[in-house]
């Protein structure tokens, strides 16, 4: 389940409280446990997946979560697979590890592992959100954020795309608060 680190060092783990903190940004966080991970546990434990295995995971996920695609107007989705040997790991961290926005919403469902997201709240304070397996995160268009894998370098997540450009980042120049230690 998700955890939220507030700018004052407080950690919030209650899903309702996390949702309340993120509501001013329009961010949605839900936890779904449909049991689909039981259908492909070996694939979730593997670091490297073939394109066919990735496709199988996405197809199976979508058979249970078709409503996520519909509510987001997704035209396609893919499987983000981060592991220590990812060939583009440093590029991913460099691309998405700085504050940015996207012209379209950024919905994501975590199948396995975890990711960290940082957000700037309307009062200027910053928070970090740890999302883990079975967490669904919806970040609306134009919400300032960054994301990074955790130190475990392990995440498999279904990403939903509503526009052809995907999640092209528009950097904002905002610096991460000194009170939050962003993992690298």
N, C-alpha and C. Protein backbone atom coordinates (compact mmCIF):
# COMPACT_ATOMS: atom_id res chain seq x y z
N UNK A 1 0.84 -1.19 0.00
CA UNK A 1 0.00 0.00 0.00
C UNK A 1 0.89 1.25 0.00
N UNK A 2 0.33 2.32 -0.48
CA UNK A 2 1.04 3.57 -0.65
C UNK A 2 1.38 4.23 0.69
N UNK A 3 2.44 5.04 0.66
CA UNK A 3 2.83 5.89 1.79
C UNK A 3 3.13 7.27 1.24
N UNK A 4 2.77 8.30 2.02
CA UNK A 4 3.00 9.68 1.61
C UNK A 4 3.91 10.34 2.63
N UNK A 5 5.05 10.89 2.17
CA UNK A 5 5.97 11.63 3.02
C UNK A 5 5.68 13.11 2.83
N UNK A 6 5.25 13.76 3.91
CA UNK A 6 4.95 15.18 3.86
C UNK A 6 6.22 16.00 4.06
N UNK A 7 6.17 17.27 3.68
CA UNK A 7 7.31 18.17 3.76
C UNK A 7 7.84 18.30 5.19
N UNK A 8 6.98 18.10 6.19
CA UNK A 8 7.40 18.22 7.59
C UNK A 8 7.98 16.93 8.15
N UNK A 9 8.12 15.90 7.32
CA UNK A 9 8.69 14.64 7.75
C UNK A 9 7.68 13.60 8.21
N UNK A 10 6.41 13.96 8.28
CA UNK A 10 5.36 13.04 8.68
C UNK A 10 5.11 12.03 7.55
N UNK A 11 4.91 10.78 7.92
CA UNK A 11 4.57 9.75 6.93
C UNK A 11 3.12 9.34 7.15
N UNK A 12 2.34 9.41 6.08
CA UNK A 12 0.92 9.05 6.12
C UNK A 12 0.74 7.75 5.35
N UNK A 13 0.11 6.76 5.98
CA UNK A 13 -0.11 5.49 5.29
C UNK A 13 -1.59 5.14 5.12
N UNK A 14 -2.48 5.96 5.68
CA UNK A 14 -3.91 5.73 5.51
C UNK A 14 -4.32 6.22 4.12
N UNK A 15 -4.89 5.33 3.32
CA UNK A 15 -5.24 5.66 1.94
C UNK A 15 -6.19 6.86 1.86
N UNK A 16 -7.15 6.94 2.77
CA UNK A 16 -8.08 8.06 2.80
C UNK A 16 -7.38 9.39 3.07
N UNK A 17 -6.42 9.38 3.99
CA UNK A 17 -5.67 10.60 4.30
C UNK A 17 -4.75 11.00 3.16
N UNK A 18 -4.14 10.00 2.53
CA UNK A 18 -3.29 10.29 1.37
C UNK A 18 -4.13 10.92 0.27
N UNK A 19 -5.29 10.34 0.00
CA UNK A 19 -6.19 10.87 -1.03
C UNK A 19 -6.59 12.30 -0.70
N UNK A 20 -6.85 12.59 0.57
CA UNK A 20 -7.24 13.94 1.00
C UNK A 20 -6.09 14.93 0.76
N UNK A 21 -4.87 14.51 1.07
CA UNK A 21 -3.70 15.38 0.86
C UNK A 21 -3.48 15.70 -0.63
N UNK A 22 -3.73 14.71 -1.49
CA UNK A 22 -3.47 14.87 -2.92
C UNK A 22 -4.66 15.42 -3.70
N UNK A 23 -5.83 15.47 -3.08
CA UNK A 23 -7.06 15.91 -3.75
C UNK A 23 -6.96 17.31 -4.37
N UNK A 24 -6.29 18.28 -3.73
CA UNK A 24 -6.21 19.61 -4.36
C UNK A 24 -5.54 19.60 -5.74
N UNK A 25 -4.76 18.58 -6.02
CA UNK A 25 -4.10 18.45 -7.33
C UNK A 25 -4.93 17.62 -8.31
N UNK A 26 -6.02 17.04 -7.83
CA UNK A 26 -6.84 16.18 -8.68
C UNK A 26 -6.28 14.78 -8.83
N UNK A 27 -5.26 14.45 -8.05
CA UNK A 27 -4.64 13.14 -8.12
C UNK A 27 -5.54 12.11 -7.45
N UNK A 28 -5.67 10.97 -8.08
CA UNK A 28 -6.45 9.87 -7.51
C UNK A 28 -5.50 8.72 -7.18
N UNK A 29 -5.73 8.11 -6.03
CA UNK A 29 -4.97 6.94 -5.62
C UNK A 29 -5.96 5.91 -5.12
N UNK A 30 -5.87 4.72 -5.70
CA UNK A 30 -6.75 3.62 -5.29
C UNK A 30 -5.90 2.36 -5.14
N UNK A 31 -6.42 1.42 -4.39
CA UNK A 31 -5.74 0.14 -4.22
C UNK A 31 -6.70 -0.95 -4.67
N UNK A 32 -6.29 -1.71 -5.69
CA UNK A 32 -7.11 -2.80 -6.22
C UNK A 32 -6.35 -4.11 -6.06
N UNK A 33 -6.99 -5.10 -5.47
CA UNK A 33 -6.38 -6.41 -5.33
C UNK A 33 -7.27 -7.45 -5.99
N UNK A 34 -7.20 -7.54 -7.32
CA UNK A 34 -8.07 -8.49 -8.03
C UNK A 34 -7.53 -9.91 -8.08
N UNK A 35 -6.31 -10.12 -7.59
CA UNK A 35 -5.73 -11.44 -7.62
C UNK A 35 -5.08 -11.81 -8.94
N UNK A 36 -4.98 -10.86 -9.89
CA UNK A 36 -4.39 -11.20 -11.18
C UNK A 36 -2.93 -11.59 -11.05
N UNK A 37 -2.24 -11.08 -10.02
CA UNK A 37 -0.83 -11.42 -9.87
C UNK A 37 -0.65 -12.92 -9.64
N UNK A 38 -1.69 -13.58 -9.16
CA UNK A 38 -1.60 -15.03 -8.96
C UNK A 38 -1.55 -15.78 -10.28
N UNK A 39 -1.98 -15.13 -11.36
CA UNK A 39 -2.01 -15.77 -12.66
C UNK A 39 -0.66 -15.75 -13.38
N UNK A 40 0.24 -14.85 -12.97
CA UNK A 40 1.55 -14.80 -13.60
C UNK A 40 2.65 -14.42 -12.60
N UNK A 41 2.71 -15.10 -11.43
CA UNK A 41 3.71 -14.72 -10.42
C UNK A 41 5.14 -14.87 -10.92
N UNK A 42 5.43 -15.88 -11.74
CA UNK A 42 6.79 -16.06 -12.23
C UNK A 42 7.23 -14.88 -13.09
N UNK A 43 6.31 -14.34 -13.88
CA UNK A 43 6.64 -13.19 -14.72
C UNK A 43 6.89 -11.94 -13.88
N UNK A 44 6.13 -11.78 -12.80
CA UNK A 44 6.32 -10.61 -11.95
C UNK A 44 7.65 -10.66 -11.20
N UNK A 45 8.14 -11.87 -10.95
CA UNK A 45 9.41 -12.03 -10.24
C UNK A 45 10.63 -11.93 -11.16
N UNK A 46 10.43 -12.12 -12.46
CA UNK A 46 11.53 -12.05 -13.43
C UNK A 46 11.97 -10.61 -13.63
N UNK A 47 13.28 -10.40 -13.78
CA UNK A 47 13.76 -9.06 -14.14
C UNK A 47 13.44 -8.76 -15.60
N UNK A 48 13.94 -9.59 -16.50
CA UNK A 48 13.81 -9.35 -17.93
C UNK A 48 12.61 -10.11 -18.47
N UNK A 49 11.79 -9.41 -19.23
CA UNK A 49 10.62 -10.01 -19.88
C UNK A 49 10.73 -9.82 -21.38
N UNK A 50 10.30 -10.82 -22.14
CA UNK A 50 10.24 -10.68 -23.59
C UNK A 50 9.04 -9.79 -23.93
N UNK A 51 8.99 -9.33 -25.15
CA UNK A 51 7.85 -8.53 -25.59
C UNK A 51 6.56 -9.34 -25.48
N UNK A 52 6.65 -10.62 -25.78
CA UNK A 52 5.48 -11.50 -25.68
C UNK A 52 5.01 -11.61 -24.24
N UNK A 53 5.93 -11.76 -23.30
CA UNK A 53 5.57 -11.84 -21.88
C UNK A 53 4.98 -10.53 -21.38
N UNK A 54 5.55 -9.41 -21.82
CA UNK A 54 4.98 -8.10 -21.47
C UNK A 54 3.55 -7.99 -21.99
N UNK A 55 3.37 -8.38 -23.24
CA UNK A 55 2.04 -8.33 -23.84
C UNK A 55 1.04 -9.19 -23.10
N UNK A 56 1.48 -10.37 -22.67
CA UNK A 56 0.61 -11.26 -21.90
C UNK A 56 0.18 -10.60 -20.59
N UNK A 57 1.13 -10.00 -19.88
CA UNK A 57 0.80 -9.32 -18.61
C UNK A 57 -0.20 -8.20 -18.83
N UNK A 58 0.02 -7.38 -19.85
CA UNK A 58 -0.88 -6.26 -20.13
C UNK A 58 -2.26 -6.78 -20.53
N UNK A 59 -2.30 -7.79 -21.39
CA UNK A 59 -3.58 -8.35 -21.84
C UNK A 59 -4.38 -8.92 -20.67
N UNK A 60 -3.72 -9.65 -19.81
CA UNK A 60 -4.40 -10.23 -18.65
C UNK A 60 -4.87 -9.13 -17.71
N UNK A 61 -4.01 -8.15 -17.47
CA UNK A 61 -4.38 -7.01 -16.63
C UNK A 61 -5.61 -6.30 -17.20
N UNK A 62 -5.59 -6.04 -18.50
CA UNK A 62 -6.69 -5.31 -19.12
C UNK A 62 -7.99 -6.09 -19.11
N UNK A 63 -7.91 -7.41 -19.11
CA UNK A 63 -9.14 -8.20 -19.06
C UNK A 63 -9.87 -7.98 -17.74
N UNK A 64 -9.14 -7.67 -16.69
CA UNK A 64 -9.74 -7.39 -15.38
C UNK A 64 -10.02 -5.89 -15.22
N UNK A 65 -9.14 -5.07 -15.75
CA UNK A 65 -9.23 -3.62 -15.53
C UNK A 65 -9.62 -2.83 -16.78
N UNK A 66 -10.49 -3.39 -17.58
CA UNK A 66 -10.93 -2.67 -18.78
C UNK A 66 -11.52 -1.31 -18.42
N UNK A 67 -12.15 -1.21 -17.25
CA UNK A 67 -12.76 0.05 -16.84
C UNK A 67 -11.72 1.17 -16.67
N UNK A 68 -10.48 0.82 -16.32
CA UNK A 68 -9.44 1.85 -16.19
C UNK A 68 -9.16 2.47 -17.55
N UNK A 69 -9.04 1.64 -18.57
CA UNK A 69 -8.82 2.17 -19.92
C UNK A 69 -9.98 3.07 -20.34
N UNK A 70 -11.20 2.62 -20.06
CA UNK A 70 -12.37 3.38 -20.48
C UNK A 70 -12.48 4.71 -19.74
N UNK A 71 -12.26 4.71 -18.42
CA UNK A 71 -12.42 5.95 -17.67
C UNK A 71 -11.33 6.96 -17.99
N UNK A 72 -10.20 6.50 -18.51
CA UNK A 72 -9.10 7.40 -18.86
C UNK A 72 -9.06 7.74 -20.35
N UNK A 73 -9.92 7.12 -21.13
CA UNK A 73 -9.89 7.35 -22.57
C UNK A 73 -8.58 6.88 -23.18
N UNK A 74 -8.01 5.84 -22.61
CA UNK A 74 -6.72 5.33 -23.09
C UNK A 74 -6.85 4.74 -24.49
N UNK A 75 -5.89 5.10 -25.35
CA UNK A 75 -5.87 4.52 -26.69
C UNK A 75 -4.92 3.33 -26.76
N UNK A 76 -4.00 3.24 -25.80
CA UNK A 76 -3.16 2.06 -25.68
C UNK A 76 -2.50 2.07 -24.30
N UNK A 77 -1.88 0.94 -23.97
CA UNK A 77 -1.12 0.85 -22.73
C UNK A 77 0.08 -0.05 -22.96
N UNK A 78 1.04 0.06 -22.05
CA UNK A 78 2.22 -0.80 -22.15
C UNK A 78 2.66 -1.19 -20.75
N UNK A 79 3.71 -2.00 -20.69
CA UNK A 79 4.25 -2.44 -19.41
C UNK A 79 5.60 -1.79 -19.20
N UNK A 80 5.70 -0.96 -18.17
CA UNK A 80 6.97 -0.40 -17.74
C UNK A 80 7.65 -1.47 -16.89
N UNK A 81 8.85 -1.86 -17.25
CA UNK A 81 9.56 -2.92 -16.53
C UNK A 81 10.94 -2.38 -16.12
N UNK A 82 11.05 -1.98 -14.85
CA UNK A 82 12.31 -1.45 -14.33
C UNK A 82 12.96 -2.52 -13.46
N UNK A 83 14.24 -2.76 -13.72
CA UNK A 83 15.03 -3.71 -12.94
C UNK A 83 16.49 -3.26 -13.02
N UNK A 84 17.36 -3.79 -12.16
CA UNK A 84 18.75 -3.31 -12.13
C UNK A 84 19.48 -3.37 -13.47
N UNK A 85 19.11 -4.29 -14.34
CA UNK A 85 19.81 -4.42 -15.63
C UNK A 85 19.08 -3.70 -16.77
N UNK A 86 18.07 -2.89 -16.47
CA UNK A 86 17.36 -2.16 -17.53
C UNK A 86 18.36 -1.35 -18.35
N UNK A 87 18.34 -1.54 -19.67
CA UNK A 87 19.31 -0.87 -20.54
C UNK A 87 19.14 0.64 -20.54
N UNK A 88 17.95 1.12 -20.25
CA UNK A 88 17.69 2.57 -20.31
C UNK A 88 17.41 3.16 -18.93
N UNK A 89 17.87 2.51 -17.88
CA UNK A 89 17.56 2.93 -16.52
C UNK A 89 18.03 4.36 -16.24
N UNK A 90 19.26 4.67 -16.54
CA UNK A 90 19.77 6.02 -16.27
C UNK A 90 19.04 7.07 -17.09
N UNK A 91 18.65 6.71 -18.30
CA UNK A 91 17.88 7.63 -19.14
C UNK A 91 16.50 7.89 -18.52
N UNK A 92 15.83 6.83 -18.05
CA UNK A 92 14.53 6.99 -17.40
C UNK A 92 14.63 7.90 -16.18
N UNK A 93 15.64 7.66 -15.35
CA UNK A 93 15.82 8.47 -14.14
C UNK A 93 16.09 9.92 -14.52
N UNK A 94 16.94 10.15 -15.51
CA UNK A 94 17.26 11.51 -15.93
C UNK A 94 16.05 12.21 -16.56
N UNK A 95 15.25 11.47 -17.30
CA UNK A 95 14.10 12.05 -18.00
C UNK A 95 12.97 12.40 -17.05
N UNK A 96 12.63 11.49 -16.15
CA UNK A 96 11.45 11.69 -15.31
C UNK A 96 11.77 12.08 -13.88
N UNK A 97 13.05 12.13 -13.50
CA UNK A 97 13.44 12.44 -12.13
C UNK A 97 13.51 13.91 -11.80
N UNK A 98 13.12 14.77 -12.73
CA UNK A 98 13.04 16.22 -12.49
C UNK A 98 11.58 16.63 -12.57
N UNK A 99 11.25 17.72 -11.88
CA UNK A 99 9.86 18.18 -11.94
C UNK A 99 9.47 18.51 -13.36
N UNK A 100 8.29 18.00 -13.75
CA UNK A 100 7.77 18.20 -15.09
C UNK A 100 6.25 18.07 -15.07
N UNK A 101 5.65 18.36 -16.18
CA UNK A 101 4.21 18.15 -16.40
C UNK A 101 4.05 17.38 -17.70
N UNK A 102 2.83 16.94 -17.96
CA UNK A 102 2.51 16.29 -19.22
C UNK A 102 1.24 16.93 -19.78
N UNK A 103 1.07 16.97 -21.09
CA UNK A 103 -0.14 17.54 -21.68
C UNK A 103 -1.37 16.64 -21.54
N UNK A 104 -1.16 15.41 -21.09
CA UNK A 104 -2.26 14.48 -20.89
C UNK A 104 -2.10 13.84 -19.51
N UNK A 105 -3.15 13.22 -19.04
CA UNK A 105 -3.11 12.54 -17.75
C UNK A 105 -2.11 11.39 -17.78
N UNK A 106 -1.64 11.02 -16.61
CA UNK A 106 -0.67 9.94 -16.45
C UNK A 106 -1.24 8.89 -15.50
N UNK A 107 -2.03 7.95 -16.01
CA UNK A 107 -2.53 6.86 -15.17
C UNK A 107 -1.55 5.69 -15.17
N UNK A 108 -1.46 5.01 -14.03
CA UNK A 108 -0.49 3.93 -13.88
C UNK A 108 -1.02 2.94 -12.84
N UNK A 109 -0.90 1.65 -13.14
CA UNK A 109 -1.25 0.60 -12.18
C UNK A 109 -0.01 -0.23 -11.92
N UNK A 110 0.41 -0.34 -10.65
CA UNK A 110 1.62 -1.06 -10.30
C UNK A 110 1.29 -2.54 -10.09
N UNK A 111 1.88 -3.39 -10.93
CA UNK A 111 1.70 -4.84 -10.81
C UNK A 111 2.63 -5.43 -9.76
N UNK A 112 3.87 -4.93 -9.70
CA UNK A 112 4.87 -5.46 -8.77
C UNK A 112 5.90 -4.38 -8.50
N UNK A 113 6.55 -4.44 -7.36
CA UNK A 113 7.60 -3.49 -7.02
C UNK A 113 7.03 -2.18 -6.54
N UNK A 114 7.79 -1.09 -6.78
CA UNK A 114 7.39 0.22 -6.27
C UNK A 114 8.08 1.34 -7.02
N UNK A 115 7.48 2.53 -6.94
CA UNK A 115 8.01 3.77 -7.52
C UNK A 115 7.74 4.90 -6.54
N UNK A 116 8.51 5.97 -6.67
CA UNK A 116 8.31 7.17 -5.86
C UNK A 116 7.94 8.31 -6.80
N UNK A 117 6.92 9.07 -6.40
CA UNK A 117 6.50 10.28 -7.12
C UNK A 117 6.61 11.46 -6.18
N UNK A 118 7.03 12.59 -6.70
CA UNK A 118 7.07 13.83 -5.93
C UNK A 118 6.08 14.81 -6.54
N UNK A 119 5.42 15.58 -5.67
CA UNK A 119 4.41 16.56 -6.12
C UNK A 119 4.60 17.87 -5.37
N UNK A 120 4.24 18.98 -6.04
CA UNK A 120 4.19 20.29 -5.41
C UNK A 120 2.73 20.59 -5.11
N UNK A 121 2.41 20.79 -3.82
CA UNK A 121 1.04 21.10 -3.41
C UNK A 121 0.74 22.57 -3.66
N UNK A 122 -0.54 22.96 -3.67
CA UNK A 122 -0.90 24.36 -3.95
C UNK A 122 -0.24 25.37 -3.01
N UNK A 123 0.07 24.98 -1.77
CA UNK A 123 0.72 25.91 -0.84
C UNK A 123 2.23 25.99 -1.04
N UNK A 124 2.76 25.27 -2.04
CA UNK A 124 4.18 25.28 -2.34
C UNK A 124 4.97 24.18 -1.65
N UNK A 125 4.37 23.51 -0.68
CA UNK A 125 5.07 22.42 -0.02
C UNK A 125 5.16 21.23 -0.99
N UNK A 126 6.09 20.35 -0.70
CA UNK A 126 6.28 19.19 -1.55
C UNK A 126 6.07 17.91 -0.76
N UNK A 127 5.60 16.89 -1.44
CA UNK A 127 5.37 15.58 -0.84
C UNK A 127 5.95 14.51 -1.76
N UNK A 128 6.24 13.35 -1.16
CA UNK A 128 6.67 12.19 -1.94
C UNK A 128 5.69 11.07 -1.68
N UNK A 129 5.29 10.40 -2.75
CA UNK A 129 4.34 9.30 -2.67
C UNK A 129 5.03 8.02 -3.12
N UNK A 130 5.03 7.03 -2.25
CA UNK A 130 5.54 5.71 -2.60
C UNK A 130 4.34 4.87 -3.02
N UNK A 131 4.32 4.43 -4.29
CA UNK A 131 3.26 3.54 -4.75
C UNK A 131 3.85 2.15 -4.90
N UNK A 132 3.04 1.16 -4.53
CA UNK A 132 3.49 -0.22 -4.52
C UNK A 132 2.50 -1.11 -5.26
N UNK A 133 2.81 -2.40 -5.30
CA UNK A 133 1.98 -3.35 -6.02
C UNK A 133 0.51 -3.19 -5.66
N UNK A 134 -0.33 -3.17 -6.69
CA UNK A 134 -1.78 -3.08 -6.64
C UNK A 134 -2.29 -1.66 -6.36
N UNK A 135 -1.38 -0.67 -6.44
CA UNK A 135 -1.79 0.72 -6.33
C UNK A 135 -2.06 1.26 -7.73
N UNK A 136 -3.13 2.03 -7.86
CA UNK A 136 -3.47 2.72 -9.10
C UNK A 136 -3.32 4.21 -8.83
N UNK A 137 -2.55 4.88 -9.66
CA UNK A 137 -2.30 6.31 -9.51
C UNK A 137 -2.74 7.03 -10.78
N UNK A 138 -3.51 8.09 -10.59
CA UNK A 138 -3.96 8.92 -11.72
C UNK A 138 -3.49 10.34 -11.46
N UNK A 139 -2.59 10.82 -12.33
CA UNK A 139 -2.08 12.19 -12.24
C UNK A 139 -2.69 12.97 -13.41
N UNK A 140 -3.51 13.99 -13.13
CA UNK A 140 -4.12 14.75 -14.23
C UNK A 140 -3.08 15.49 -15.07
N UNK A 141 -3.47 15.88 -16.25
CA UNK A 141 -2.61 16.68 -17.12
C UNK A 141 -2.17 17.94 -16.38
N UNK A 142 -0.96 18.39 -16.67
CA UNK A 142 -0.39 19.64 -16.17
C UNK A 142 -0.13 19.68 -14.67
N UNK A 143 -0.14 18.53 -13.99
CA UNK A 143 0.23 18.49 -12.56
C UNK A 143 1.74 18.32 -12.48
N UNK A 144 2.39 19.21 -11.74
CA UNK A 144 3.84 19.19 -11.60
C UNK A 144 4.27 18.02 -10.72
N UNK A 145 5.17 17.18 -11.25
CA UNK A 145 5.61 16.00 -10.50
C UNK A 145 6.94 15.49 -11.05
N UNK A 146 7.55 14.58 -10.32
CA UNK A 146 8.70 13.80 -10.78
C UNK A 146 8.46 12.37 -10.35
N UNK A 147 9.19 11.43 -10.92
CA UNK A 147 9.10 10.05 -10.48
C UNK A 147 10.45 9.38 -10.63
N UNK A 148 10.64 8.35 -9.82
CA UNK A 148 11.91 7.64 -9.82
C UNK A 148 11.71 6.25 -9.25
N UNK A 149 12.47 5.29 -9.72
CA UNK A 149 12.42 3.99 -9.06
C UNK A 149 13.00 4.12 -7.65
N UNK A 150 12.62 3.23 -6.76
CA UNK A 150 13.22 3.19 -5.43
C UNK A 150 14.58 2.51 -5.53
N UNK A 151 15.27 2.41 -4.41
CA UNK A 151 16.59 1.80 -4.38
C UNK A 151 16.56 0.33 -4.81
N UNK A 152 15.39 -0.32 -4.70
CA UNK A 152 15.29 -1.72 -5.12
C UNK A 152 15.36 -1.89 -6.63
N UNK A 153 15.13 -0.79 -7.36
CA UNK A 153 15.13 -0.83 -8.84
C UNK A 153 14.24 -1.94 -9.35
N UNK A 154 13.04 -2.01 -8.81
CA UNK A 154 12.11 -3.07 -9.20
C UNK A 154 10.72 -2.49 -9.32
N UNK A 155 10.21 -2.45 -10.54
CA UNK A 155 8.83 -2.00 -10.75
C UNK A 155 8.32 -2.55 -12.08
N UNK A 156 7.14 -3.10 -12.02
CA UNK A 156 6.40 -3.47 -13.22
C UNK A 156 5.05 -2.77 -13.10
N UNK A 157 4.74 -1.93 -14.07
CA UNK A 157 3.52 -1.14 -14.01
C UNK A 157 2.91 -1.00 -15.40
N UNK A 158 1.60 -1.03 -15.46
CA UNK A 158 0.88 -0.79 -16.70
C UNK A 158 0.66 0.71 -16.80
N UNK A 159 1.14 1.29 -17.91
CA UNK A 159 0.96 2.72 -18.17
C UNK A 159 -0.10 2.89 -19.25
N UNK A 160 -0.97 3.87 -19.05
CA UNK A 160 -2.07 4.13 -19.99
C UNK A 160 -1.80 5.44 -20.72
N UNK A 161 -2.02 5.43 -22.03
CA UNK A 161 -1.77 6.60 -22.86
C UNK A 161 -3.05 7.04 -23.55
N UNK A 162 -3.37 8.34 -23.44
CA UNK A 162 -4.59 8.87 -24.05
C UNK A 162 -4.29 9.71 -25.29
N UNK A 163 -3.01 10.04 -25.51
CA UNK A 163 -2.63 10.80 -26.69
C UNK A 163 -1.41 10.14 -27.33
N UNK A 164 -1.23 10.37 -28.59
CA UNK A 164 -0.15 9.71 -29.34
C UNK A 164 1.23 10.09 -28.81
N UNK A 165 1.38 11.28 -28.24
CA UNK A 165 2.68 11.73 -27.75
C UNK A 165 3.09 11.00 -26.47
N UNK A 166 2.17 10.28 -25.87
CA UNK A 166 2.51 9.58 -24.63
C UNK A 166 2.77 10.54 -23.49
N UNK A 167 3.78 10.22 -22.72
CA UNK A 167 4.09 11.01 -21.53
C UNK A 167 5.33 11.87 -21.73
N UNK A 168 5.35 12.69 -22.76
CA UNK A 168 6.49 13.56 -23.02
C UNK A 168 6.55 14.61 -21.90
N UNK A 169 7.71 14.72 -21.20
CA UNK A 169 7.79 15.66 -20.08
C UNK A 169 8.05 17.10 -20.54
N UNK A 170 7.40 18.03 -19.87
CA UNK A 170 7.65 19.47 -20.03
C UNK A 170 8.25 19.93 -18.70
N UNK A 171 9.55 20.18 -18.68
CA UNK A 171 10.24 20.49 -17.44
C UNK A 171 9.86 21.86 -16.90
N UNK A 172 9.71 21.95 -15.57
CA UNK A 172 9.25 23.18 -14.94
C UNK A 172 10.37 23.96 -14.27
N UNK A 173 11.47 23.32 -13.95
CA UNK A 173 12.58 23.99 -13.28
C UNK A 173 12.46 24.01 -11.76
N UNK A 174 11.35 23.54 -11.22
CA UNK A 174 11.19 23.48 -9.77
C UNK A 174 12.22 22.52 -9.19
N UNK A 175 12.84 22.93 -8.10
CA UNK A 175 13.82 22.09 -7.42
C UNK A 175 13.14 21.28 -6.32
N UNK A 176 13.62 20.07 -6.09
CA UNK A 176 13.09 19.24 -5.01
C UNK A 176 13.46 19.88 -3.68
N UNK A 177 12.49 19.95 -2.80
CA UNK A 177 12.68 20.53 -1.48
C UNK A 177 13.84 19.88 -0.73
N UNK A 178 14.63 20.69 -0.04
CA UNK A 178 15.74 20.14 0.76
C UNK A 178 15.25 19.25 1.89
N UNK A 179 14.01 19.44 2.32
CA UNK A 179 13.49 18.63 3.43
C UNK A 179 13.10 17.23 2.99
N UNK A 180 13.06 17.01 1.68
CA UNK A 180 12.76 15.69 1.14
C UNK A 180 14.02 15.16 0.45
N UNK A 181 14.46 14.04 0.86
CA UNK A 181 15.65 13.44 0.24
C UNK A 181 15.20 12.51 -0.87
N UNK A 182 15.32 12.99 -2.10
CA UNK A 182 14.92 12.20 -3.27
C UNK A 182 15.92 11.08 -3.50
N UNK A 183 15.43 9.82 -3.58
CA UNK A 183 16.35 8.71 -3.81
C UNK A 183 16.94 8.76 -5.22
N UNK A 184 18.16 8.31 -5.34
CA UNK A 184 18.82 8.22 -6.64
C UNK A 184 19.50 6.90 -6.76
